[in-house]
Amino acid sequence: MLEDYLKEAEEAAEVARTAEEHRPSCLRCGGKLRFQEEQMLDNSPLRDGLLSSTFDVLPAFCEKCGKYEFFNPEVVKKDPYLAHLIQIDTQL
């Protein structure tokens, strides 16, 4: 039982390490992007704004320059590493 727990913990740690290595980079400056599933530029929830009825987007901001990039959430969530990053980033 303890061995199973340790194996699961090691696998989770490996996914986390690999995900950070594959974190998307900013197209402008090369900084690392952080996902923000619920927030838009003005801090209003995406699902309550005008964009939510027209577009389904997953914003990510650059830690270095602060610019935003937008992703298709259905495509991104199919990648296990990006899905892990979304989960981690949006829990902050």
N, C-alpha and C. Protein backbone atom coordinates (compact mmCIF):
# COMPACT_ATOMS: atom_id res chain seq x y z
N MET A 1 0.82 -1.19 0.00
CA MET A 1 0.00 0.00 0.00
C MET A 1 0.87 1.26 0.00
N LEU A 2 1.85 1.32 0.86
CA LEU A 2 2.77 2.45 0.90
C LEU A 2 3.55 2.54 -0.41
N GLU A 3 3.93 1.38 -0.96
CA GLU A 3 4.65 1.35 -2.23
C GLU A 3 3.81 1.94 -3.35
N ASP A 4 2.51 1.63 -3.36
CA ASP A 4 1.61 2.18 -4.38
C ASP A 4 1.51 3.70 -4.25
N TYR A 5 1.42 4.17 -3.02
CA TYR A 5 1.33 5.61 -2.78
C TYR A 5 2.60 6.31 -3.25
N LEU A 6 3.76 5.73 -2.93
CA LEU A 6 5.02 6.32 -3.34
C LEU A 6 5.18 6.32 -4.86
N LYS A 7 4.72 5.25 -5.49
CA LYS A 7 4.78 5.18 -6.95
C LYS A 7 3.90 6.26 -7.58
N GLU A 8 2.68 6.44 -7.07
CA GLU A 8 1.77 7.47 -7.57
C GLU A 8 2.35 8.87 -7.35
N ALA A 9 2.97 9.08 -6.20
CA ALA A 9 3.57 10.38 -5.89
C ALA A 9 4.73 10.66 -6.84
N GLU A 10 5.53 9.66 -7.13
CA GLU A 10 6.65 9.82 -8.06
C GLU A 10 6.15 10.12 -9.47
N GLU A 11 5.10 9.43 -9.90
CA GLU A 11 4.52 9.68 -11.22
C GLU A 11 3.96 11.09 -11.31
N ALA A 12 3.29 11.54 -10.27
CA ALA A 12 2.73 12.90 -10.24
C ALA A 12 3.85 13.94 -10.28
N ALA A 13 4.93 13.69 -9.57
CA ALA A 13 6.07 14.60 -9.57
C ALA A 13 6.72 14.66 -10.95
N GLU A 14 6.78 13.54 -11.63
CA GLU A 14 7.36 13.50 -12.97
C GLU A 14 6.49 14.29 -13.96
N VAL A 15 5.18 14.14 -13.86
CA VAL A 15 4.27 14.91 -14.72
C VAL A 15 4.46 16.40 -14.47
N ALA A 16 4.58 16.79 -13.21
CA ALA A 16 4.76 18.20 -12.86
C ALA A 16 6.08 18.74 -13.42
N ARG A 17 7.16 17.97 -13.30
CA ARG A 17 8.46 18.41 -13.84
C ARG A 17 8.40 18.55 -15.36
N THR A 18 7.83 17.56 -16.01
CA THR A 18 7.75 17.59 -17.47
C THR A 18 6.85 18.72 -17.94
N ALA A 19 5.76 18.95 -17.23
CA ALA A 19 4.84 20.03 -17.60
C ALA A 19 5.54 21.38 -17.53
N GLU A 20 6.30 21.61 -16.47
CA GLU A 20 7.02 22.89 -16.35
C GLU A 20 8.04 23.06 -17.47
N GLU A 21 8.68 21.97 -17.86
CA GLU A 21 9.65 22.04 -18.95
C GLU A 21 8.97 22.40 -20.27
N HIS A 22 7.71 21.98 -20.44
CA HIS A 22 6.97 22.23 -21.68
C HIS A 22 6.00 23.41 -21.57
N ARG A 23 6.14 24.21 -20.53
CA ARG A 23 5.27 25.38 -20.37
C ARG A 23 5.40 26.26 -21.60
N PRO A 24 4.27 26.71 -22.18
CA PRO A 24 4.34 27.55 -23.39
C PRO A 24 5.10 28.84 -23.12
N SER A 25 5.75 29.34 -24.17
CA SER A 25 6.50 30.58 -24.09
C SER A 25 5.77 31.69 -24.82
N CYS A 26 5.98 32.91 -24.36
CA CYS A 26 5.42 34.10 -24.97
C CYS A 26 5.98 34.27 -26.38
N LEU A 27 5.12 34.56 -27.33
CA LEU A 27 5.56 34.78 -28.70
C LEU A 27 6.33 36.09 -28.86
N ARG A 28 6.15 37.01 -27.91
CA ARG A 28 6.79 38.33 -28.01
C ARG A 28 8.19 38.35 -27.38
N CYS A 29 8.29 37.86 -26.14
CA CYS A 29 9.56 38.01 -25.42
C CYS A 29 10.19 36.68 -25.01
N GLY A 30 9.47 35.58 -25.14
CA GLY A 30 10.02 34.27 -24.76
C GLY A 30 9.81 33.90 -23.30
N GLY A 31 9.14 34.78 -22.52
CA GLY A 31 8.84 34.47 -21.12
C GLY A 31 7.85 33.32 -21.01
N LYS A 32 7.71 32.78 -19.83
CA LYS A 32 6.80 31.66 -19.61
C LYS A 32 5.37 32.16 -19.39
N LEU A 33 4.40 31.43 -19.93
CA LEU A 33 2.99 31.79 -19.82
C LEU A 33 2.33 31.08 -18.65
N ARG A 34 1.42 31.77 -17.99
CA ARG A 34 0.59 31.22 -16.92
C ARG A 34 -0.87 31.30 -17.35
N PHE A 35 -1.59 30.21 -17.17
CA PHE A 35 -3.00 30.16 -17.58
C PHE A 35 -3.90 30.82 -16.54
N GLN A 36 -4.98 31.43 -17.04
CA GLN A 36 -5.99 32.05 -16.18
C GLN A 36 -7.35 31.64 -16.74
N GLU A 37 -7.89 30.55 -16.27
CA GLU A 37 -9.11 30.01 -16.84
C GLU A 37 -10.32 30.91 -16.65
N GLU A 38 -10.45 31.57 -15.51
CA GLU A 38 -11.66 32.31 -15.20
C GLU A 38 -11.56 33.81 -15.42
N GLN A 39 -10.38 34.34 -15.62
CA GLN A 39 -10.24 35.78 -15.65
C GLN A 39 -9.87 36.30 -17.03
N MET A 40 -10.35 37.51 -17.32
CA MET A 40 -10.04 38.20 -18.54
C MET A 40 -9.21 39.42 -18.17
N LEU A 41 -8.85 40.24 -19.14
CA LEU A 41 -7.95 41.37 -18.91
C LEU A 41 -8.44 42.33 -17.83
N ASP A 42 -9.75 42.52 -17.73
CA ASP A 42 -10.27 43.47 -16.74
C ASP A 42 -10.71 42.77 -15.45
N ASN A 43 -10.29 41.53 -15.26
CA ASN A 43 -10.60 40.72 -14.08
C ASN A 43 -12.07 40.35 -13.96
N SER A 44 -12.83 40.50 -15.03
CA SER A 44 -14.22 40.03 -15.01
C SER A 44 -14.24 38.59 -15.50
N PRO A 45 -15.12 37.78 -14.95
CA PRO A 45 -15.15 36.37 -15.37
C PRO A 45 -15.45 36.24 -16.85
N LEU A 46 -14.73 35.37 -17.52
CA LEU A 46 -14.94 35.16 -18.96
C LEU A 46 -16.38 34.75 -19.26
N ARG A 47 -16.95 33.93 -18.43
CA ARG A 47 -18.28 33.39 -18.72
C ARG A 47 -19.39 34.43 -18.58
N ASP A 48 -19.12 35.55 -17.93
CA ASP A 48 -20.14 36.57 -17.73
C ASP A 48 -20.02 37.72 -18.72
N GLY A 49 -18.96 37.76 -19.50
CA GLY A 49 -18.73 38.90 -20.37
C GLY A 49 -19.23 38.67 -21.79
N LEU A 50 -19.05 39.68 -22.59
CA LEU A 50 -19.46 39.63 -23.99
C LEU A 50 -18.71 38.54 -24.74
N LEU A 51 -17.42 38.38 -24.45
CA LEU A 51 -16.63 37.37 -25.16
C LEU A 51 -17.13 35.96 -24.92
N SER A 52 -17.69 35.70 -23.76
CA SER A 52 -18.10 34.33 -23.44
C SER A 52 -19.19 33.83 -24.36
N SER A 53 -20.01 34.73 -24.89
CA SER A 53 -21.09 34.29 -25.77
C SER A 53 -20.60 34.12 -27.21
N THR A 54 -19.42 34.66 -27.52
CA THR A 54 -18.91 34.62 -28.88
C THR A 54 -17.72 33.69 -29.02
N PHE A 55 -16.81 33.73 -28.07
CA PHE A 55 -15.57 32.96 -28.14
C PHE A 55 -15.41 32.09 -26.92
N ASP A 56 -14.79 30.94 -27.11
CA ASP A 56 -14.40 30.09 -26.00
C ASP A 56 -12.88 30.11 -25.98
N VAL A 57 -12.31 30.91 -25.09
CA VAL A 57 -10.86 31.09 -25.06
C VAL A 57 -10.31 30.83 -23.67
N LEU A 58 -9.05 30.44 -23.64
CA LEU A 58 -8.32 30.23 -22.40
C LEU A 58 -7.16 31.21 -22.39
N PRO A 59 -7.24 32.30 -21.61
CA PRO A 59 -6.15 33.27 -21.60
C PRO A 59 -4.95 32.78 -20.79
N ALA A 60 -3.79 33.23 -21.24
CA ALA A 60 -2.54 32.98 -20.52
C ALA A 60 -1.74 34.27 -20.58
N PHE A 61 -1.14 34.65 -19.46
CA PHE A 61 -0.35 35.88 -19.45
C PHE A 61 1.12 35.54 -19.28
N CYS A 62 1.95 36.42 -19.83
CA CYS A 62 3.40 36.24 -19.75
C CYS A 62 3.90 36.78 -18.42
N GLU A 63 4.69 35.98 -17.72
CA GLU A 63 5.26 36.41 -16.45
C GLU A 63 6.28 37.53 -16.62
N LYS A 64 6.88 37.62 -17.80
CA LYS A 64 7.95 38.57 -18.04
C LYS A 64 7.44 39.92 -18.54
N CYS A 65 6.60 39.92 -19.60
CA CYS A 65 6.18 41.18 -20.20
C CYS A 65 4.72 41.52 -19.92
N GLY A 66 3.95 40.57 -19.39
CA GLY A 66 2.56 40.83 -19.02
C GLY A 66 1.56 40.76 -20.16
N LYS A 67 2.00 40.46 -21.37
CA LYS A 67 1.09 40.34 -22.51
C LYS A 67 0.26 39.06 -22.38
N TYR A 68 -0.92 39.09 -22.99
CA TYR A 68 -1.80 37.92 -22.98
C TYR A 68 -1.77 37.21 -24.32
N GLU A 69 -1.92 35.88 -24.25
CA GLU A 69 -2.14 35.06 -25.43
C GLU A 69 -3.36 34.22 -25.13
N PHE A 70 -4.06 33.79 -26.18
CA PHE A 70 -5.31 33.07 -26.02
C PHE A 70 -5.23 31.71 -26.70
N PHE A 71 -5.74 30.70 -26.00
CA PHE A 71 -5.70 29.33 -26.47
C PHE A 71 -7.11 28.77 -26.59
N ASN A 72 -7.26 27.78 -27.46
CA ASN A 72 -8.51 27.03 -27.55
C ASN A 72 -8.49 26.02 -26.39
N PRO A 73 -9.39 26.17 -25.40
CA PRO A 73 -9.32 25.31 -24.21
C PRO A 73 -9.54 23.83 -24.50
N GLU A 74 -10.37 23.50 -25.48
CA GLU A 74 -10.62 22.09 -25.77
C GLU A 74 -9.37 21.40 -26.31
N VAL A 75 -8.60 22.11 -27.12
CA VAL A 75 -7.36 21.56 -27.67
C VAL A 75 -6.30 21.44 -26.59
N VAL A 76 -6.15 22.49 -25.79
CA VAL A 76 -5.11 22.52 -24.76
C VAL A 76 -5.35 21.46 -23.70
N LYS A 77 -6.60 21.26 -23.29
CA LYS A 77 -6.89 20.32 -22.21
C LYS A 77 -6.68 18.87 -22.61
N LYS A 78 -6.53 18.59 -23.90
CA LYS A 78 -6.26 17.22 -24.35
C LYS A 78 -4.80 16.83 -24.12
N ASP A 79 -3.93 17.81 -23.95
CA ASP A 79 -2.52 17.55 -23.68
C ASP A 79 -2.36 17.37 -22.17
N PRO A 80 -1.89 16.21 -21.70
CA PRO A 80 -1.82 15.98 -20.25
C PRO A 80 -0.93 16.97 -19.51
N TYR A 81 0.14 17.42 -20.14
CA TYR A 81 1.04 18.36 -19.47
C TYR A 81 0.40 19.75 -19.38
N LEU A 82 -0.21 20.20 -20.47
CA LEU A 82 -0.87 21.50 -20.42
C LEU A 82 -2.09 21.46 -19.50
N ALA A 83 -2.80 20.36 -19.49
CA ALA A 83 -3.94 20.22 -18.57
C ALA A 83 -3.46 20.32 -17.13
N HIS A 84 -2.32 19.73 -16.83
CA HIS A 84 -1.73 19.82 -15.49
C HIS A 84 -1.40 21.28 -15.16
N LEU A 85 -0.79 21.99 -16.12
CA LEU A 85 -0.43 23.39 -15.89
C LEU A 85 -1.67 24.25 -15.65
N ILE A 86 -2.72 24.01 -16.40
CA ILE A 86 -3.96 24.77 -16.22
C ILE A 86 -4.49 24.54 -14.81
N GLN A 87 -4.51 23.28 -14.38
CA GLN A 87 -5.00 22.94 -13.05
C GLN A 87 -4.18 23.65 -11.97
N ILE A 88 -2.86 23.61 -12.09
CA ILE A 88 -1.98 24.23 -11.11
C ILE A 88 -2.13 25.76 -11.13
N ASP A 89 -2.08 26.37 -12.31
CA ASP A 89 -2.13 27.82 -12.43
C ASP A 89 -3.45 28.40 -11.92
N THR A 90 -4.55 27.73 -12.21
CA THR A 90 -5.85 28.29 -11.85
C THR A 90 -6.21 28.04 -10.39
N GLN A 91 -5.41 27.27 -9.68
CA GLN A 91 -5.64 27.06 -8.24
C GLN A 91 -4.95 28.10 -7.39
N LEU A 92 -4.07 28.91 -8.01
CA LEU A 92 -3.33 29.93 -7.25
C LEU A 92 -4.21 31.02 -6.76
